[in-house]
Each structure stands twice: as structure tokens, then as C-alpha cells.
C-alpha atoms as a PDB file:
ATOM      1  CA  MET A   1     -10.589 -13.790  14.709  1.00  0.00           C
ATOM      2  CA  LYS A   2      -9.856 -14.019  10.875  1.00  0.00           C
ATOM      3  CA  ILE A   3      -8.310 -11.431   9.210  1.00  0.00           C
ATOM      4  CA  ILE A   4      -8.825 -11.044   5.467  1.00  0.00           C
ATOM      5  CA  PHE A   5      -6.714  -9.067   3.264  1.00  0.00           C
ATOM      6  CA  ASN A   6      -6.990  -7.792  -0.090  1.00  0.00           C
ATOM      7  CA  LYS A   7      -4.085  -8.552  -2.895  1.00  0.00           C
ATOM      8  CA  SER A   8      -1.119  -6.273  -2.001  1.00  0.00           C
ATOM      9  CA  ARG A   9      -0.687  -3.700  -5.035  1.00  0.00           C
ATOM     10  CA  GLY A  10       2.678  -2.920  -3.545  1.00  0.00           C
ATOM     11  CA  LEU A  11       5.087  -2.694  -0.638  1.00  0.00           C
ATOM     12  CA  GLY A  12       2.823  -0.202   1.188  1.00  0.00           C
ATOM     13  CA  ASP A  13       0.174  -2.911   1.392  1.00  0.00           C
ATOM     14  CA  THR A  14       2.441  -5.259   2.632  1.00  0.00           C
ATOM     15  CA  ILE A  15       3.869  -3.273   5.279  1.00  0.00           C
ATOM     16  CA  GLU A  16       0.484  -2.652   6.600  1.00  0.00           C
ATOM     17  CA  LYS A  17      -0.482  -6.453   6.461  1.00  0.00           C
ATOM     18  CA  ILE A  18       2.693  -6.748   8.777  1.00  0.00           C
ATOM     19  CA  THR A  19       1.627  -4.102  11.205  1.00  0.00           C
ATOM     20  CA  THR A  20      -1.829  -5.151  11.554  1.00  0.00           C
ATOM     21  CA  VAL A  21      -0.708  -8.924  12.205  1.00  0.00           C
ATOM     22  CA  THR A  22       1.826  -8.102  14.763  1.00  0.00           C
ATOM     23  CA  GLY A  23      -0.428  -5.217  16.339  1.00  0.00           C
ATOM     24  CA  ILE A  24       1.582  -2.679  15.781  1.00  0.00           C
ATOM     25  CA  LYS A  25      -1.118  -0.615  13.580  1.00  0.00           C
ATOM     26  CA  ALA A  26      -3.620  -1.093  16.630  1.00  0.00           C
ATOM     27  CA  VAL A  27      -0.992   0.710  19.054  1.00  0.00           C
ATOM     28  CA  VAL A  28      -0.503   3.279  16.939  1.00  0.00           C
ATOM     29  CA  ASP A  29      -3.806   3.890  16.378  1.00  0.00           C
ATOM     30  CA  THR A  30      -4.550   3.600  20.084  1.00  0.00           C
ATOM     31  CA  VAL A  31      -1.881   6.022  21.291  1.00  0.00           C
ATOM     32  CA  SER A  32      -1.462   8.338  18.207  1.00  0.00           C
ATOM     33  CA  LYS A  33      -3.571  11.756  18.924  1.00  0.00           C
ATOM     34  CA  LYS A  34      -3.275  13.057  15.347  1.00  0.00           C
ATOM     35  CA  ASP A  35      -3.047  11.353  12.013  1.00  0.00           C
ATOM     36  CA  CYS A  36       0.348   9.466  11.596  1.00  0.00           C
ATOM     37  CA  GLY A  37       0.573   9.484   7.986  1.00  0.00           C
ATOM     38  CA  CYS A  38       0.239   5.890   7.275  1.00  0.00           C
ATOM     39  CA  ASN A  39      -2.032   6.157   4.542  1.00  0.00           C
ATOM     40  CA  LYS A  40       0.230   8.767   2.778  1.00  0.00           C
ATOM     41  CA  ARG A  41       3.236   6.649   3.212  1.00  0.00           C
ATOM     42  CA  LYS A  42       1.407   3.515   1.749  1.00  0.00           C
ATOM     43  CA  GLU A  43       0.333   5.098  -1.035  1.00  0.00           C
ATOM     44  CA  LYS A  44       3.620   6.583  -1.908  1.00  0.00           C
ATOM     45  CA  LEU A  45       5.569   3.044  -1.038  1.00  0.00           C
ATOM     46  CA  ASN A  46       3.100   1.392  -3.378  1.00  0.00           C
ATOM     47  CA  LYS A  47       3.559   3.927  -6.371  1.00  0.00           C
ATOM     48  CA  LEU A  48       7.613   3.450  -5.722  1.00  0.00           C
ATOM     49  CA  PHE A  49       7.685  -0.379  -5.389  1.00  0.00           C
ATOM     50  CA  PRO A  50       4.325  -1.728  -7.035  1.00  0.00           C
ATOM     51  CA  TYR A  51       3.696  -5.195  -7.536  1.00  0.00           C
ATOM     52  CA  GLY A  52       2.761  -7.163 -11.125  1.00  0.00           C
ATOM     53  CA  SER A  53       3.225  -4.948 -14.053  1.00  0.00           C
ATOM     54  CA  THR A  54       6.929  -3.682 -14.802  1.00  0.00           C
ATOM     55  CA  GLU A  55       5.586  -1.256 -17.304  1.00  0.00           C
ATOM     56  CA  THR A  56       6.223   2.491 -16.739  1.00  0.00           C
ATOM     57  CA  SER A  57       3.474   4.815 -16.527  1.00  0.00           C
ATOM     58  CA  SER A  58       4.168   6.317 -19.828  1.00  0.00           C
ATOM     59  CA  GLU A  59       4.338   2.578 -21.421  1.00  0.00           C
ATOM     60  CA  GLN A  60       0.824   2.178 -19.700  1.00  0.00           C
ATOM     61  CA  SER A  61      -0.653   5.592 -21.138  1.00  0.00           C
ATOM     62  CA  LEU A  62       0.720   4.489 -24.720  1.00  0.00           C
ATOM     63  CA  LYS A  63      -0.839   1.297 -24.488  1.00  0.00           C
ATOM     64  CA  ASP A  64      -4.179   2.623 -23.201  1.00  0.00           C
ATOM     65  CA  ASN A  65      -4.417   5.185 -25.834  1.00  0.00           C
ATOM     66  CA  SER A  66      -3.150   2.925 -28.881  1.00  0.00           C
ATOM     67  CA  PHE A  67      -5.346   3.092 -31.909  1.00  0.00           C
END
């Protein structure tokens, strides 16, 4: 079985990849009877520790709205 991953947007995506490959994610999904909050945690980590652009959101907003 080959797992194909998209490029990580931030730390949250990387942690999800690690937990998937090691089998931790499968165990949590099997054992957990309710939502564990993994997706919210992943998105929060991606926002706090993004990969790529080092521009702040306000700098990006100014660039997007330039004349």
C-alpha cells in the first residue's frame, strides 16, 4: 500500500503525516467514540507555524490589494 501526501502547508500537516505513517491516527480513529479535534488542531498549527511565505497576513493583504 502506497500513501501519497500533498505538500505540507504547515506543522499541522506534517504531524498528521507522521501520525498516519506510524499508525497512531488509525488507532485514535478506531478507539475514539467522538471527534478528537485533530482537524481543528491541525489547522491551528498550520496557521501558527506555516511553511513557505514569511509574509504576515497584513503584508499579503496589502500586496493583494495593490494598485
